[in-house]
Amino acid sequence: MTVLNELDRFHLVMDTIRRVPKTGEKGIYLKQQLKEKLIDHRQYICKHGEDLPEIRNWKWGAGK
């Protein structure tokens, strides 16, 4: 639901990039990567009926 409502972390980062012009080329590149990840995510959901494992299993602080 958060992806459909554009409230997920990917959309939030893309919105930040749009609002902060100093991100320049790096921001444009990151925004494209995020768009591609959202496409992959949507395709995975259509095929498997659930979020990508990296989305579904994500936890705060798990990378520490």
PDB file of N, CA and C in Angstrom:
ATOM      1  N   MET A   1       0.809  -1.194   0.000  1.00  0.00           N
ATOM      2  CA  MET A   1       0.000   0.000   0.000  1.00  0.00           C
ATOM      3  C   MET A   1       0.855   1.263   0.000  1.00  0.00           C
ATOM      4  N   THR A   2       1.992   1.209   0.692  1.00  0.00           N
ATOM      5  CA  THR A   2       2.812   2.418   0.727  1.00  0.00           C
ATOM      6  C   THR A   2       3.358   2.761  -0.653  1.00  0.00           C
ATOM      7  N   VAL A   3       3.664   1.746  -1.461  1.00  0.00           N
ATOM      8  CA  VAL A   3       4.154   1.996  -2.814  1.00  0.00           C
ATOM      9  C   VAL A   3       3.035   2.599  -3.660  1.00  0.00           C
ATOM     10  N   LEU A   4       1.842   2.031  -3.574  1.00  0.00           N
ATOM     11  CA  LEU A   4       0.717   2.553  -4.345  1.00  0.00           C
ATOM     12  C   LEU A   4       0.389   3.995  -3.963  1.00  0.00           C
ATOM     13  N   ASN A   5       0.578   4.335  -2.696  1.00  0.00           N
ATOM     14  CA  ASN A   5       0.310   5.698  -2.228  1.00  0.00           C
ATOM     15  C   ASN A   5       1.529   6.607  -2.323  1.00  0.00           C
ATOM     16  N   GLU A   6       2.621   6.078  -2.867  1.00  0.00           N
ATOM     17  CA  GLU A   6       3.882   6.805  -3.037  1.00  0.00           C
ATOM     18  C   GLU A   6       4.413   7.357  -1.714  1.00  0.00           C
ATOM     19  N   LEU A   7       4.281   6.551  -0.659  1.00  0.00           N
ATOM     20  CA  LEU A   7       4.783   6.917   0.656  1.00  0.00           C
ATOM     21  C   LEU A   7       5.937   6.027   1.100  1.00  0.00           C
ATOM     22  N   ASP A   8       6.410   5.175   0.200  1.00  0.00           N
ATOM     23  CA  ASP A   8       7.518   4.278   0.519  1.00  0.00           C
ATOM     24  C   ASP A   8       8.837   5.038   0.480  1.00  0.00           C
ATOM     25  N   ARG A   9       9.889   4.397   0.952  1.00  0.00           N
ATOM     26  CA  ARG A   9      11.201   5.060   1.016  1.00  0.00           C
ATOM     27  C   ARG A   9      11.736   5.455  -0.348  1.00  0.00           C
ATOM     28  N   PHE A  10      11.412   4.699  -1.395  1.00  0.00           N
ATOM     29  CA  PHE A  10      11.890   5.024  -2.733  1.00  0.00           C
ATOM     30  C   PHE A  10      11.274   6.334  -3.228  1.00  0.00           C
ATOM     31  N   HIS A  11       9.962   6.454  -3.097  1.00  0.00           N
ATOM     32  CA  HIS A  11       9.285   7.679  -3.521  1.00  0.00           C
ATOM     33  C   HIS A  11       9.710   8.879  -2.667  1.00  0.00           C
ATOM     34  N   LEU A  12       9.917   8.653  -1.377  1.00  0.00           N
ATOM     35  CA  LEU A  12      10.342   9.747  -0.501  1.00  0.00           C
ATOM     36  C   LEU A  12      11.716  10.275  -0.904  1.00  0.00           C
ATOM     37  N   VAL A  13      12.625   9.379  -1.250  1.00  0.00           N
ATOM     38  CA  VAL A  13      13.955   9.812  -1.689  1.00  0.00           C
ATOM     39  C   VAL A  13      13.852  10.554  -3.025  1.00  0.00           C
ATOM     40  N   MET A  14      13.042  10.035  -3.949  1.00  0.00           N
ATOM     41  CA  MET A  14      12.878  10.712  -5.237  1.00  0.00           C
ATOM     42  C   MET A  14      12.290  12.108  -5.051  1.00  0.00           C
ATOM     43  N   ASP A  15      11.355  12.247  -4.117  1.00  0.00           N
ATOM     44  CA  ASP A  15      10.776  13.554  -3.843  1.00  0.00           C
ATOM     45  C   ASP A  15      11.822  14.501  -3.266  1.00  0.00           C
ATOM     46  N   THR A  16      12.673  13.988  -2.401  1.00  0.00           N
ATOM     47  CA  THR A  16      13.747  14.807  -1.832  1.00  0.00           C
ATOM     48  C   THR A  16      14.704  15.264  -2.911  1.00  0.00           C
ATOM     49  N   ILE A  17      15.069  14.366  -3.813  1.00  0.00           N
ATOM     50  CA  ILE A  17      15.968  14.718  -4.914  1.00  0.00           C
ATOM     51  C   ILE A  17      15.356  15.840  -5.756  1.00  0.00           C
ATOM     52  N   ARG A  18      14.062  15.736  -5.997  1.00  0.00           N
ATOM     53  CA  ARG A  18      13.372  16.762  -6.796  1.00  0.00           C
ATOM     54  C   ARG A  18      13.407  18.117  -6.095  1.00  0.00           C
ATOM     55  N   ARG A  19      13.320  18.116  -4.785  1.00  0.00           N
ATOM     56  CA  ARG A  19      13.255  19.366  -4.016  1.00  0.00           C
ATOM     57  C   ARG A  19      14.628  19.967  -3.702  1.00  0.00           C
ATOM     58  N   VAL A  20      15.684  19.155  -3.796  1.00  0.00           N
ATOM     59  CA  VAL A  20      17.034  19.632  -3.468  1.00  0.00           C
ATOM     60  C   VAL A  20      17.864  19.644  -4.739  1.00  0.00           C
ATOM     61  N   PRO A  21      17.931  20.784  -5.411  1.00  0.00           N
ATOM     62  CA  PRO A  21      18.623  20.841  -6.699  1.00  0.00           C
ATOM     63  C   PRO A  21      20.127  20.570  -6.622  1.00  0.00           C
ATOM     64  N   LYS A  22      20.731  20.674  -5.462  1.00  0.00           N
ATOM     65  CA  LYS A  22      22.172  20.455  -5.333  1.00  0.00           C
ATOM     66  C   LYS A  22      22.581  19.010  -5.536  1.00  0.00           C
ATOM     67  N   THR A  23      21.623  18.094  -5.660  1.00  0.00           N
ATOM     68  CA  THR A  23      21.975  16.688  -5.864  1.00  0.00           C
ATOM     69  C   THR A  23      22.566  16.462  -7.250  1.00  0.00           C
ATOM     70  N   GLY A  24      22.244  17.332  -8.206  1.00  0.00           N
ATOM     71  CA  GLY A  24      22.840  17.299  -9.544  1.00  0.00           C
ATOM     72  C   GLY A  24      22.775  15.955 -10.241  1.00  0.00           C
ATOM     73  N   GLU A  25      23.879  15.612 -10.907  1.00  0.00           N
ATOM     74  CA  GLU A  25      23.969  14.369 -11.690  1.00  0.00           C
ATOM     75  C   GLU A  25      23.771  13.127 -10.822  1.00  0.00           C
ATOM     76  N   LYS A  26      24.343  13.150  -9.625  1.00  0.00           N
ATOM     77  CA  LYS A  26      24.198  11.998  -8.728  1.00  0.00           C
ATOM     78  C   LYS A  26      22.734  11.788  -8.362  1.00  0.00           C
ATOM     79  N   GLY A  27      22.020  12.874  -8.149  1.00  0.00           N
ATOM     80  CA  GLY A  27      20.608  12.777  -7.821  1.00  0.00           C
ATOM     81  C   GLY A  27      19.800  12.210  -8.973  1.00  0.00           C
ATOM     82  N   ILE A  28      20.115  12.651 -10.177  1.00  0.00           N
ATOM     83  CA  ILE A  28      19.426  12.153 -11.370  1.00  0.00           C
ATOM     84  C   ILE A  28      19.679  10.654 -11.526  1.00  0.00           C
ATOM     85  N   TYR A  29      20.918  10.235 -11.337  1.00  0.00           N
ATOM     86  CA  TYR A  29      21.275   8.816 -11.455  1.00  0.00           C
ATOM     87  C   TYR A  29      20.553   7.989 -10.387  1.00  0.00           C
ATOM     88  N   LEU A  30      20.553   8.465  -9.141  1.00  0.00           N
ATOM     89  CA  LEU A  30      19.889   7.746  -8.054  1.00  0.00           C
ATOM     90  C   LEU A  30      18.389   7.655  -8.309  1.00  0.00           C
ATOM     91  N   LYS A  31      17.805   8.729  -8.774  1.00  0.00           N
ATOM     92  CA  LYS A  31      16.372   8.739  -9.059  1.00  0.00           C
ATOM     93  C   LYS A  31      16.025   7.692 -10.121  1.00  0.00           C
ATOM     94  N   GLN A  32      16.867   7.558 -11.135  1.00  0.00           N
ATOM     95  CA  GLN A  32      16.636   6.548 -12.171  1.00  0.00           C
ATOM     96  C   GLN A  32      16.747   5.138 -11.597  1.00  0.00           C
ATOM     97  N   GLN A  33      17.725   4.921 -10.733  1.00  0.00           N
ATOM     98  CA  GLN A  33      17.875   3.610 -10.090  1.00  0.00           C
ATOM     99  C   GLN A  33      16.636   3.264  -9.258  1.00  0.00           C
ATOM    100  N   LEU A  34      16.115   4.240  -8.553  1.00  0.00           N
ATOM    101  CA  LEU A  34      14.937   4.013  -7.724  1.00  0.00           C
ATOM    102  C   LEU A  34      13.711   3.707  -8.582  1.00  0.00           C
ATOM    103  N   LYS A  35      13.575   4.402  -9.697  1.00  0.00           N
ATOM    104  CA  LYS A  35      12.462   4.124 -10.610  1.00  0.00           C
ATOM    105  C   LYS A  35      12.545   2.702 -11.144  1.00  0.00           C
ATOM    106  N   GLU A  36      13.756   2.268 -11.498  1.00  0.00           N
ATOM    107  CA  GLU A  36      13.952   0.899 -11.991  1.00  0.00           C
ATOM    108  C   GLU A  36      13.631  -0.128 -10.908  1.00  0.00           C
ATOM    109  N   LYS A  37      14.011   0.172  -9.663  1.00  0.00           N
ATOM    110  CA  LYS A  37      13.721  -0.741  -8.552  1.00  0.00           C
ATOM    111  C   LYS A  37      12.220  -0.848  -8.337  1.00  0.00           C
ATOM    112  N   LEU A  38      11.493   0.261  -8.472  1.00  0.00           N
ATOM    113  CA  LEU A  38      10.039   0.217  -8.329  1.00  0.00           C
ATOM    114  C   LEU A  38       9.393  -0.612  -9.441  1.00  0.00           C
ATOM    115  N   ILE A  39       9.952  -0.552 -10.647  1.00  0.00           N
ATOM    116  CA  ILE A  39       9.453  -1.379 -11.752  1.00  0.00           C
ATOM    117  C   ILE A  39       9.688  -2.852 -11.433  1.00  0.00           C
ATOM    118  N   ASP A  40      10.904  -3.185 -10.971  1.00  0.00           N
ATOM    119  CA  ASP A  40      11.218  -4.569 -10.575  1.00  0.00           C
ATOM    120  C   ASP A  40      10.265  -5.041  -9.471  1.00  0.00           C
ATOM    121  N   HIS A  41      10.027  -4.165  -8.516  1.00  0.00           N
ATOM    122  CA  HIS A  41       9.150  -4.481  -7.395  1.00  0.00           C
ATOM    123  C   HIS A  41       7.740  -4.801  -7.884  1.00  0.00           C
ATOM    124  N   ARG A  42       7.216  -3.960  -8.750  1.00  0.00           N
ATOM    125  CA  ARG A  42       5.863  -4.167  -9.277  1.00  0.00           C
ATOM    126  C   ARG A  42       5.771  -5.487 -10.061  1.00  0.00           C
ATOM    127  N   GLN A  43       6.782  -5.785 -10.872  1.00  0.00           N
ATOM    128  CA  GLN A  43       6.792  -7.031 -11.637  1.00  0.00           C
ATOM    129  C   GLN A  43       6.846  -8.241 -10.712  1.00  0.00           C
ATOM    130  N   TYR A  44       7.638  -8.152  -9.653  1.00  0.00           N
ATOM    131  CA  TYR A  44       7.744  -9.250  -8.689  1.00  0.00           C
ATOM    132  C   TYR A  44       6.394  -9.488  -8.009  1.00  0.00           C
ATOM    133  N   ILE A  45       5.732  -8.401  -7.627  1.00  0.00           N
ATOM    134  CA  ILE A  45       4.426  -8.523  -6.981  1.00  0.00           C
ATOM    135  C   ILE A  45       3.429  -9.196  -7.917  1.00  0.00           C
ATOM    136  N   CYS A  46       3.415  -8.808  -9.181  1.00  0.00           N
ATOM    137  CA  CYS A  46       2.486  -9.406 -10.146  1.00  0.00           C
ATOM    138  C   CYS A  46       2.737 -10.906 -10.303  1.00  0.00           C
ATOM    139  N   LYS A  47       4.000 -11.306 -10.257  1.00  0.00           N
ATOM    140  CA  LYS A  47       4.352 -12.710 -10.448  1.00  0.00           C
ATOM    141  C   LYS A  47       4.163 -13.551  -9.186  1.00  0.00           C
ATOM    142  N   HIS A  48       4.541 -12.993  -8.019  1.00  0.00           N
ATOM    143  CA  HIS A  48       4.581 -13.781  -6.783  1.00  0.00           C
ATOM    144  C   HIS A  48       3.497 -13.414  -5.766  1.00  0.00           C
ATOM    145  N   GLY A  49       2.829 -12.289  -5.977  1.00  0.00           N
ATOM    146  CA  GLY A  49       1.762 -11.892  -5.068  1.00  0.00           C
ATOM    147  C   GLY A  49       2.225 -11.331  -3.738  1.00  0.00           C
ATOM    148  N   GLU A  50       3.502 -10.992  -3.617  1.00  0.00           N
ATOM    149  CA  GLU A  50       4.030 -10.391  -2.389  1.00  0.00           C
ATOM    150  C   GLU A  50       5.221  -9.509  -2.733  1.00  0.00           C
ATOM    151  N   ASP A  51       5.645  -8.698  -1.754  1.00  0.00           N
ATOM    152  CA  ASP A  51       6.778  -7.799  -1.962  1.00  0.00           C
ATOM    153  C   ASP A  51       8.070  -8.563  -2.215  1.00  0.00           C
ATOM    154  N   LEU A  52       9.025  -7.882  -2.836  1.00  0.00           N
ATOM    155  CA  LEU A  52      10.371  -8.434  -2.969  1.00  0.00           C
ATOM    156  C   LEU A  52      10.893  -8.801  -1.572  1.00  0.00           C
ATOM    157  N   PRO A  53      11.688  -9.863  -1.452  1.00  0.00           N
ATOM    158  CA  PRO A  53      12.224 -10.237  -0.136  1.00  0.00           C
ATOM    159  C   PRO A  53      12.979  -9.086   0.540  1.00  0.00           C
ATOM    160  N   GLU A  54      13.723  -8.303  -0.226  1.00  0.00           N
ATOM    161  CA  GLU A  54      14.480  -7.203   0.390  1.00  0.00           C
ATOM    162  C   GLU A  54      13.561  -6.118   0.941  1.00  0.00           C
ATOM    163  N   ILE A  55      12.354  -6.024   0.434  1.00  0.00           N
ATOM    164  CA  ILE A  55      11.362  -5.080   0.954  1.00  0.00           C
ATOM    165  C   ILE A  55      10.610  -5.735   2.114  1.00  0.00           C
ATOM    166  N   ARG A  56      10.126  -6.933   1.885  1.00  0.00           N
ATOM    167  CA  ARG A  56       9.318  -7.662   2.854  1.00  0.00           C
ATOM    168  C   ARG A  56      10.080  -7.912   4.160  1.00  0.00           C
ATOM    169  N   ASN A  57      11.368  -8.225   4.063  1.00  0.00           N
ATOM    170  CA  ASN A  57      12.164  -8.592   5.241  1.00  0.00           C
ATOM    171  C   ASN A  57      12.979  -7.445   5.828  1.00  0.00           C
ATOM    172  N   TRP A  58      12.802  -6.234   5.304  1.00  0.00           N
ATOM    173  CA  TRP A  58      13.584  -5.083   5.771  1.00  0.00           C
ATOM    174  C   TRP A  58      13.213  -4.717   7.195  1.00  0.00           C
ATOM    175  N   LYS A  59      14.223  -4.415   8.020  1.00  0.00           N
ATOM    176  CA  LYS A  59      14.008  -3.986   9.393  1.00  0.00           C
ATOM    177  C   LYS A  59      14.913  -2.795   9.704  1.00  0.00           C
ATOM    178  N   TRP A  60      14.426  -1.909  10.559  1.00  0.00           N
ATOM    179  CA  TRP A  60      15.236  -0.773  11.001  1.00  0.00           C
ATOM    180  C   TRP A  60      16.505  -1.287  11.666  1.00  0.00           C
ATOM    181  N   GLY A  61      17.635  -0.714  11.290  1.00  0.00           N
ATOM    182  CA  GLY A  61      18.899  -1.056  11.930  1.00  0.00           C
ATOM    183  C   GLY A  61      19.469  -2.413  11.574  1.00  0.00           C
ATOM    184  N   ALA A  62      18.876  -3.102  10.598  1.00  0.00           N
ATOM    185  CA  ALA A  62      19.337  -4.447  10.248  1.00  0.00           C
ATOM    186  C   ALA A  62      20.734  -4.433   9.624  1.00  0.00           C
ATOM    187  N   GLY A  63      21.151  -3.317   9.047  1.00  0.00           N
ATOM    188  CA  GLY A  63      22.450  -3.229   8.398  1.00  0.00           C
ATOM    189  C   GLY A  63      23.600  -2.969   9.362  1.00  0.00           C
ATOM    190  N   LYS A  64      23.290  -2.763  10.618  1.00  0.00           N
ATOM    191  CA  LYS A  64      24.330  -2.436  11.608  1.00  0.00           C
ATOM    192  C   LYS A  64      24.975  -3.667  12.162  1.00  0.00           C
TER     193      LYS A  64
END
